[in-house]
Amino acid sequence: MGCKCERDAQARAEEERSIDDLPGNATVLSQFPEPKNEIVLDAMLRASLSPHAKLSTASSKKDSENEEQNVLQFKDGTVYQGEWEDGKKNGKGRQIWPDSTYYEGEWKENLPNGHGRKILPSGLIIEGTFVNGKASGLAIISNKEGLKMQGVFRNDLPNGNCSAKYPDGSEYEGQMVNMNKQGHGKLSKPDGSSYEGEFMNDMRDGYGILTWKDGRRYEGQWKDDKMHGTGTHQWADGSVYQGGYLNDLKHGNGEFRWPDGRVFKGTWENGDRQGVGVLIKGGVEKKGIWKDDVRVNWL
């Protein structure tokens, strides 16, 4: 087996060889540093990550004596601790960048590749599959405020079919582009309302259906998160409006039907009946003039 002094000498020689094999532009630190950004440090604690914890890269108990890796600081301020192969970061490791971005997980060819966790300076935590330094594939992103998105990622952001829970209690299922709702999806809110249809830039835009807890229902066109274009709006008492909308208000030609059978056909401006219209009651049509939603004259 050899005496203890021989084993110590062998260990020192292996350590010297391992340091010699490391990049020449790096210096060895005594320990892995804490991030200077308190937001990132808080996120690390929430993710059960600690800069003071030993980084285990051992594949078996036999390797446990040599599992602790050198902590290296590069000229640009980046600090890395982990496995190397052919002079490059390959295997398991962790790194902190000068802006306090933190990553821990699998590496290949000097970049995060494989499963890992990344914490951004904003406090966002990303966990999942990484390709060439970015979350790509299935991943989860979350923050302290209660935001959580999971699904298909590209370039560290949700891009594809995803599900999301927002701090206000809203929930979304559908397509996303760069973390924004875009494409077809369904958004449910704590007030009991639910929208299913098209989104653009995180807003309802295109064709969609909105239902309210009180029984109302709108089906039609949307723009910039508002009813805009043509659509049909139904109320719980049986009233129905079919026609144009502008910024959530009736606008343009339309028809309104009351539960008692009355019908108005005419023009609306910013939510009010304006100009010439026809009121049908008991099968009798009467033409008149309306101003600010009030009839001012019969014709």
Protein backbone atom coordinates (compact mmCIF):
# COMPACT_ATOMS: atom_id res chain seq x y z
CA MET A 1 0.00 0.00 0.00
CA GLY A 2 2.84 2.47 0.70
CA CYS A 3 3.31 4.84 3.61
CA LYS A 4 1.26 7.96 4.21
CA CYS A 5 4.11 10.23 3.06
CA GLU A 6 4.21 8.45 -0.31
CA ARG A 7 0.44 8.86 -0.73
CA ASP A 8 0.67 12.57 0.18
CA ALA A 9 3.50 13.07 -2.32
CA GLN A 10 1.50 11.32 -5.01
CA ALA A 11 -1.56 13.48 -4.28
CA ARG A 12 0.55 16.67 -4.51
CA ALA A 13 2.01 15.51 -7.80
CA GLU A 14 -1.44 14.79 -9.22
CA GLU A 15 -2.64 18.22 -8.05
CA GLU A 16 0.33 19.92 -9.70
CA ARG A 17 -0.26 18.05 -12.93
CA SER A 18 -3.98 18.96 -12.87
CA ILE A 19 -3.14 22.65 -12.38
CA ASP A 20 -0.58 22.51 -15.19
CA ASP A 21 -3.25 21.10 -17.51
CA LEU A 22 -5.57 24.05 -16.87
CA PRO A 23 -5.80 27.12 -19.16
CA GLY A 24 -2.85 29.50 -18.80
CA ASN A 25 -5.08 32.58 -18.64
CA ALA A 26 -6.73 31.42 -15.40
CA THR A 27 -5.80 31.81 -11.75
CA VAL A 28 -6.74 29.34 -9.03
CA LEU A 29 -9.01 30.65 -6.24
CA SER A 30 -9.33 29.16 -2.79
CA GLN A 31 -13.13 28.94 -2.99
CA PHE A 32 -16.06 29.59 -5.28
CA PRO A 33 -17.27 33.21 -4.83
CA GLU A 34 -20.71 34.45 -3.93
CA PRO A 35 -22.53 36.52 -6.57
CA LYS A 36 -22.33 40.25 -5.96
CA ASN A 37 -25.95 40.57 -7.02
CA GLU A 38 -28.20 40.00 -3.97
CA ILE A 39 -31.12 39.09 -6.26
CA VAL A 40 -29.09 36.23 -7.76
CA LEU A 41 -27.92 35.07 -4.33
CA ASP A 42 -31.52 34.99 -3.09
CA ALA A 43 -32.56 33.03 -6.17
CA MET A 44 -29.73 30.53 -5.60
CA LEU A 45 -30.95 29.89 -2.07
CA ARG A 46 -34.51 29.39 -3.33
CA ALA A 47 -33.19 26.91 -5.90
CA SER A 48 -31.19 25.07 -3.19
CA LEU A 49 -27.92 26.14 -4.80
CA SER A 50 -25.06 27.39 -2.66
CA PRO A 51 -21.73 28.82 -3.79
CA HIS A 52 -20.23 27.39 -0.60
CA ALA A 53 -21.38 23.83 -1.27
CA LYS A 54 -18.87 21.35 -2.62
CA LEU A 55 -19.30 20.62 -6.30
CA SER A 56 -19.49 16.86 -6.65
CA THR A 57 -18.42 15.46 -10.01
CA ALA A 58 -17.63 11.97 -8.76
CA SER A 59 -19.22 9.14 -10.68
CA SER A 60 -18.77 6.65 -7.83
CA LYS A 61 -17.70 6.44 -4.20
CA LYS A 62 -14.23 5.37 -5.36
CA ASP A 63 -13.78 8.80 -6.92
CA SER A 64 -14.96 10.72 -3.87
CA GLU A 65 -11.43 11.59 -2.69
CA ASN A 66 -10.75 13.49 -5.92
CA GLU A 67 -14.21 14.94 -6.54
CA GLU A 68 -13.47 18.56 -5.58
CA GLN A 69 -12.36 20.57 -8.62
CA ASN A 70 -10.15 23.65 -8.90
CA VAL A 71 -11.86 27.05 -8.81
CA LEU A 72 -10.58 29.10 -11.74
CA GLN A 73 -10.94 32.79 -12.45
CA PHE A 74 -10.37 34.05 -15.99
CA LYS A 75 -9.21 37.47 -17.15
CA ASP A 76 -12.75 38.58 -18.01
CA GLY A 77 -13.84 37.92 -14.40
CA THR A 78 -15.67 34.66 -15.11
CA VAL A 79 -15.19 31.98 -12.44
CA TYR A 80 -15.56 28.27 -13.24
CA GLN A 81 -15.34 25.13 -11.16
CA GLY A 82 -15.80 21.73 -12.68
CA GLU A 83 -14.54 19.08 -15.03
CA TRP A 84 -12.21 19.56 -18.02
CA GLU A 85 -11.40 17.51 -21.07
CA ASP A 86 -8.97 18.39 -23.85
CA GLY A 87 -8.45 21.82 -22.35
CA LYS A 88 -12.17 22.66 -22.43
CA LYS A 89 -15.03 22.67 -19.95
CA ASN A 90 -16.59 19.24 -20.38
CA GLY A 91 -18.66 17.34 -17.84
CA LYS A 92 -20.22 18.74 -14.71
CA GLY A 93 -19.41 22.24 -13.53
CA ARG A 94 -20.62 25.60 -12.32
CA GLN A 95 -19.80 29.11 -13.46
CA ILE A 96 -20.53 32.67 -12.47
CA TRP A 97 -20.15 35.54 -14.93
CA PRO A 98 -19.18 39.14 -14.10
CA ASP A 99 -22.84 40.22 -14.32
CA SER A 100 -23.69 37.55 -11.66
CA THR A 101 -25.35 35.15 -14.10
CA TYR A 102 -24.92 31.67 -12.57
CA TYR A 103 -25.07 28.23 -14.18
CA GLU A 104 -24.65 24.78 -12.69
CA GLY A 105 -24.95 21.57 -14.66
CA GLU A 106 -23.51 19.78 -17.66
CA TRP A 107 -20.93 21.29 -20.04
CA LYS A 108 -19.57 20.45 -23.48
CA GLU A 109 -17.03 22.35 -25.55
CA ASN A 110 -16.85 25.24 -23.04
CA LEU A 111 -20.61 25.85 -23.06
CA PRO A 112 -23.59 24.66 -20.99
CA ASN A 113 -24.87 21.58 -22.82
CA GLY A 114 -27.22 19.06 -21.26
CA HIS A 115 -29.25 19.38 -18.09
CA GLY A 116 -28.62 22.36 -15.85
CA ARG A 117 -29.89 25.36 -13.95
CA LYS A 118 -29.19 28.99 -14.79
CA ILE A 119 -29.97 32.09 -12.72
CA LEU A 120 -30.17 35.41 -14.53
CA PRO A 121 -29.32 38.81 -12.95
CA SER A 122 -33.06 39.56 -12.78
CA GLY A 123 -33.57 36.58 -10.47
CA LEU A 124 -35.22 34.36 -13.08
CA ILE A 125 -34.36 30.69 -12.60
CA ILE A 126 -34.18 28.43 -15.66
CA GLU A 127 -33.97 24.66 -15.30
CA GLY A 128 -33.95 22.19 -18.15
CA THR A 129 -32.04 21.25 -21.28
CA PHE A 130 -29.29 23.55 -22.54
CA VAL A 131 -27.76 23.64 -26.02
CA ASN A 132 -24.67 25.74 -26.74
CA GLY A 133 -25.16 27.89 -23.67
CA LYS A 134 -28.91 28.53 -23.92
CA ALA A 135 -31.99 26.71 -22.64
CA SER A 136 -33.33 24.89 -25.70
CA GLY A 137 -35.88 22.11 -25.52
CA LEU A 138 -37.96 21.35 -22.44
CA ALA A 139 -37.37 23.75 -19.56
CA ILE A 140 -38.97 25.69 -16.71
CA ILE A 141 -38.51 29.38 -15.85
CA SER A 142 -39.66 30.92 -12.58
CA ASN A 143 -39.12 33.89 -10.27
CA LYS A 144 -39.65 34.96 -6.68
CA GLU A 145 -42.95 36.73 -7.44
CA GLY A 146 -44.69 33.51 -8.47
CA LEU A 147 -44.21 33.45 -12.24
CA LYS A 148 -43.73 29.96 -13.64
CA MET A 149 -43.55 28.95 -17.31
CA GLN A 150 -42.75 25.53 -18.66
CA GLY A 151 -42.63 23.94 -22.08
CA VAL A 152 -40.51 24.32 -25.20
CA PHE A 153 -37.65 26.83 -24.93
CA ARG A 154 -35.26 28.46 -27.37
CA ASN A 155 -32.49 30.95 -26.48
CA ASP A 156 -33.35 30.85 -22.75
CA LEU A 157 -36.99 31.83 -23.35
CA PRO A 158 -40.31 29.99 -23.84
CA ASN A 159 -40.79 29.54 -27.58
CA GLY A 160 -43.45 27.01 -28.56
CA ASN A 161 -46.21 25.20 -26.72
CA CYS A 162 -46.07 26.20 -23.05
CA SER A 163 -48.06 26.57 -19.88
CA ALA A 164 -47.74 29.56 -17.58
CA LYS A 165 -48.85 30.69 -14.14
CA TYR A 166 -48.66 34.41 -13.35
CA PRO A 167 -48.32 36.21 -10.00
CA ASP A 168 -51.90 37.56 -10.24
CA GLY A 169 -53.27 34.00 -10.43
CA SER A 170 -53.87 33.95 -14.17
CA GLU A 171 -53.06 30.75 -16.07
CA TYR A 172 -52.21 30.27 -19.74
CA GLU A 173 -51.95 27.26 -22.04
CA GLY A 174 -50.79 27.71 -25.61
CA GLN A 175 -48.14 29.07 -27.91
CA MET A 176 -45.47 31.52 -26.81
CA VAL A 177 -42.73 33.54 -28.53
CA ASN A 178 -39.89 34.96 -26.41
CA MET A 179 -41.89 34.56 -23.20
CA ASN A 180 -44.94 36.36 -24.68
CA LYS A 181 -48.30 34.82 -25.46
CA GLN A 182 -48.39 34.58 -29.26
CA GLY A 183 -50.41 32.30 -31.53
CA HIS A 184 -53.34 30.24 -30.29
CA GLY A 185 -53.93 29.84 -26.58
CA LYS A 186 -56.27 29.96 -23.61
CA LEU A 187 -56.01 32.48 -20.76
CA SER A 188 -57.98 32.02 -17.53
CA LYS A 189 -58.12 34.78 -14.90
CA PRO A 190 -58.97 34.75 -11.18
CA ASP A 191 -62.12 36.83 -11.81
CA GLY A 192 -63.65 33.82 -13.60
CA SER A 193 -63.22 35.15 -17.13
CA SER A 194 -61.66 32.99 -19.82
CA TYR A 195 -60.36 33.82 -23.29
CA GLU A 196 -59.52 31.33 -26.00
CA GLY A 197 -58.19 32.44 -29.35
CA GLU A 198 -55.34 34.28 -30.97
CA PHE A 199 -52.62 36.35 -29.25
CA MET A 200 -49.96 38.73 -30.51
CA ASN A 201 -47.19 40.30 -28.42
CA ASP A 202 -48.76 39.05 -25.17
CA MET A 203 -52.17 40.57 -26.01
CA ARG A 204 -55.45 39.24 -27.39
CA ASP A 205 -55.25 39.94 -31.08
CA GLY A 206 -57.09 38.28 -33.96
CA TYR A 207 -60.11 36.02 -33.53
CA GLY A 208 -61.17 34.84 -30.10
CA ILE A 209 -63.90 34.11 -27.57
CA LEU A 210 -64.13 35.74 -24.15
CA THR A 211 -66.56 34.49 -21.50
CA TRP A 212 -67.26 36.26 -18.20
CA LYS A 213 -68.33 34.80 -14.87
CA ASP A 214 -71.62 36.74 -15.04
CA GLY A 215 -72.66 34.90 -18.23
CA ARG A 216 -71.57 37.39 -20.87
CA ARG A 217 -69.85 36.12 -24.01
CA TYR A 218 -68.06 37.87 -26.85
CA GLU A 219 -66.95 36.13 -30.02
CA GLY A 220 -65.17 38.03 -32.73
CA GLN A 221 -62.16 40.12 -33.58
CA TRP A 222 -59.59 41.60 -31.20
CA LYS A 223 -56.75 44.08 -31.47
CA ASP A 224 -54.25 45.17 -28.79
CA ASP A 225 -56.16 43.26 -26.08
CA LYS A 226 -59.50 44.92 -26.90
CA MET A 227 -62.67 44.02 -28.80
CA HIS A 228 -61.96 45.58 -32.16
CA GLY A 229 -63.53 44.75 -35.52
CA THR A 230 -66.73 42.74 -35.89
CA GLY A 231 -68.17 40.40 -33.31
CA THR A 232 -71.16 39.11 -31.39
CA HIS A 233 -71.71 40.08 -27.75
CA GLN A 234 -74.27 38.19 -25.68
CA TRP A 235 -75.52 39.06 -22.16
CA ALA A 236 -76.90 36.76 -19.48
CA ASP A 237 -80.41 38.29 -19.83
CA GLY A 238 -80.54 37.25 -23.51
CA SER A 239 -79.58 40.59 -25.08
CA VAL A 240 -77.39 40.27 -28.17
CA TYR A 241 -75.35 42.80 -30.12
CA GLN A 242 -73.86 41.94 -33.48
CA GLY A 243 -71.72 44.44 -35.32
CA GLY A 244 -68.62 46.58 -35.14
CA TYR A 245 -66.35 47.35 -32.18
CA LEU A 246 -63.60 49.91 -31.63
CA ASN A 247 -61.44 49.79 -28.48
CA ASP A 248 -63.99 47.70 -26.55
CA LEU A 249 -66.92 49.95 -27.57
CA LYS A 250 -69.70 49.39 -30.10
CA HIS A 251 -68.71 51.29 -33.21
CA GLY A 252 -69.97 51.24 -36.79
CA ASN A 253 -72.96 49.38 -38.18
CA GLY A 254 -74.66 46.95 -35.87
CA GLU A 255 -77.81 45.32 -34.61
CA PHE A 256 -78.99 45.06 -31.00
CA ARG A 257 -81.72 42.63 -29.87
CA TRP A 258 -83.46 42.83 -26.46
CA PRO A 259 -84.99 39.85 -24.64
CA ASP A 260 -88.51 41.31 -25.18
CA GLY A 261 -88.10 41.08 -28.98
CA ARG A 262 -87.20 44.70 -29.76
CA VAL A 263 -84.48 45.23 -32.36
CA PHE A 264 -82.40 48.27 -33.24
CA LYS A 265 -80.48 48.50 -36.49
CA GLY A 266 -78.18 51.44 -37.08
CA THR A 267 -74.86 53.06 -36.38
CA TRP A 268 -72.83 53.38 -33.18
CA GLU A 269 -69.99 55.75 -32.35
CA ASN A 270 -67.80 55.02 -29.33
CA GLY A 271 -70.51 52.97 -27.66
CA ASP A 272 -73.53 55.24 -28.38
CA ARG A 273 -76.20 55.08 -31.10
CA GLN A 274 -75.67 57.99 -33.47
CA GLY A 275 -77.47 59.10 -36.63
CA VAL A 276 -80.26 57.36 -38.51
CA GLY A 277 -81.49 54.04 -37.20
CA VAL A 278 -84.46 51.68 -37.26
CA LEU A 279 -86.32 50.43 -34.19
CA ILE A 280 -88.44 47.30 -34.66
CA LYS A 281 -91.08 46.61 -32.02
CA GLY A 282 -93.94 44.14 -32.35
CA GLY A 283 -93.10 43.70 -36.02
CA VAL A 284 -93.45 47.45 -36.72
CA GLU A 285 -90.44 49.36 -38.04
CA LYS A 286 -89.89 53.02 -37.18
CA LYS A 287 -87.01 55.12 -38.51
CA GLY A 288 -85.52 57.84 -36.35
CA ILE A 289 -82.48 59.87 -35.45
CA TRP A 290 -80.33 59.11 -32.40
CA LYS A 291 -77.76 61.30 -30.68
CA ASP A 292 -75.53 60.15 -27.80
CA ASP A 293 -77.63 56.97 -27.49
CA VAL A 294 -80.92 58.93 -27.18
CA ARG A 295 -83.61 59.15 -29.86
CA VAL A 296 -84.17 62.80 -30.73
CA ASN A 297 -86.66 62.48 -33.59
CA TRP A 298 -88.81 60.11 -35.62
CA LEU A 299 -88.61 60.29 -39.39
